[in-house]
Amino acid sequence: MTADIDKTAGPGDTPPSGPRAVKAIPVRHYGRYVTALIAIAVLVSIVYAFGQGKINWHAVPDYFFDDRIMTGVGKTLLLTVLSMLIGIVGGIVLAVMRLSKNPVTSAIGWFYIWFFRGTPVLVQLFLWFNLGLVFEYINLGPIYKNYWSDFMTPLLTALLGLGLNEAAYMAEICRAGLLAVDEGQTEAAHALGMSHGKTLRRIIIPQAMRVIVPPTGNEVINMLKTTSLVAAVQYPELFRYAQDIGQVSGAPVEMYFLAAAWYLIMTSVLSVGQYYIERYYARGSSRSLPPTPWQKVKANMLSFGRPKGGMA
């Protein structure tokens, strides 16, 4: 780019030998400012409305670290981890069954997914809890024998209801990840003499993880929130403890806000973990990984002292 010649220069003046420095003027986006002002106004009005409501906000910090609440947080996390383990293992098995060339195996996998995805989780929890009407007792021979009502504890009901339902969703996620791997990978592995199981473990599943991990992270976060349903089958977790404290203290609504705050904290931590796990499995598919949140903060801090504009 060449600089414009100064029209005020006289006939005997020599034009400048090099280009002038051009000051870059950034484009102003006035719509962003208007949108930001509207969003701030809406947020302030919502905060003001809640502040004027008949809610005893002092009860929230008073019970925020109560022993029962902390116990509920621990049980919620434990239930989330165990249910997701059942769901992931079951999902992998069901995905392999759906992709099997055996029509019977594929049909069984399809029927399982159809049933558990087609019925609500709360209904499944109640069905497991009341199966004693069908099976009076469970008999495993010399290993275990007991009445169904004693065998099906609230914890076992919660694990079966959440874990088996999650397996149906994880099966579709895993199946999508397995199908995303090129069939040439399988053919090459079989040409090298690798068995079908070894091909899955060594070749297919590691490559499919890049597709499987993001929706699995969403399922973990969704499972954390879904655990609140098990209060209906008498399992004491965060929401159930918050309900009990609210009934005793006379501040039921305040305890709902407290539970919501704890759910937000836990889901935020899980979201950060999901981000870094996705970043780890994206190493082989991207030339340059996107910057982490901390790297973005550092870049913005370093850019404060730099002059705006520059050489064109």
Foldseek 3Di string as FASTA:
>chain_A
DAADWDPPDDPPDDTDPGHDFDFDDDDDDVVVVVVVVVVVVVVVVVVVVVVPDPADLVVLVVCLVPPLLVQQAVVLVVLLVLLLVLQQVLLLCLLCQCVDPPPVSNVVSVVLLCVLVVDDLLVQLVCQQPCCVVVQWDDPDPPDIDGSNVVCALSNSSSCSRNSSSNSVSNVQLNVLQVVDDCVQVVVCVVVVDDPVVSCVPPRVLNSCLSNLPVSLVVSLVSSVVSLSSVVVVDRHNNVSLCVCCVVVVRNVSSVVSSVVSSVVVNVVSVLVSVVVSQVSCPVVDPDGDDDPVVVVVVVVVCPPDDHGTGD
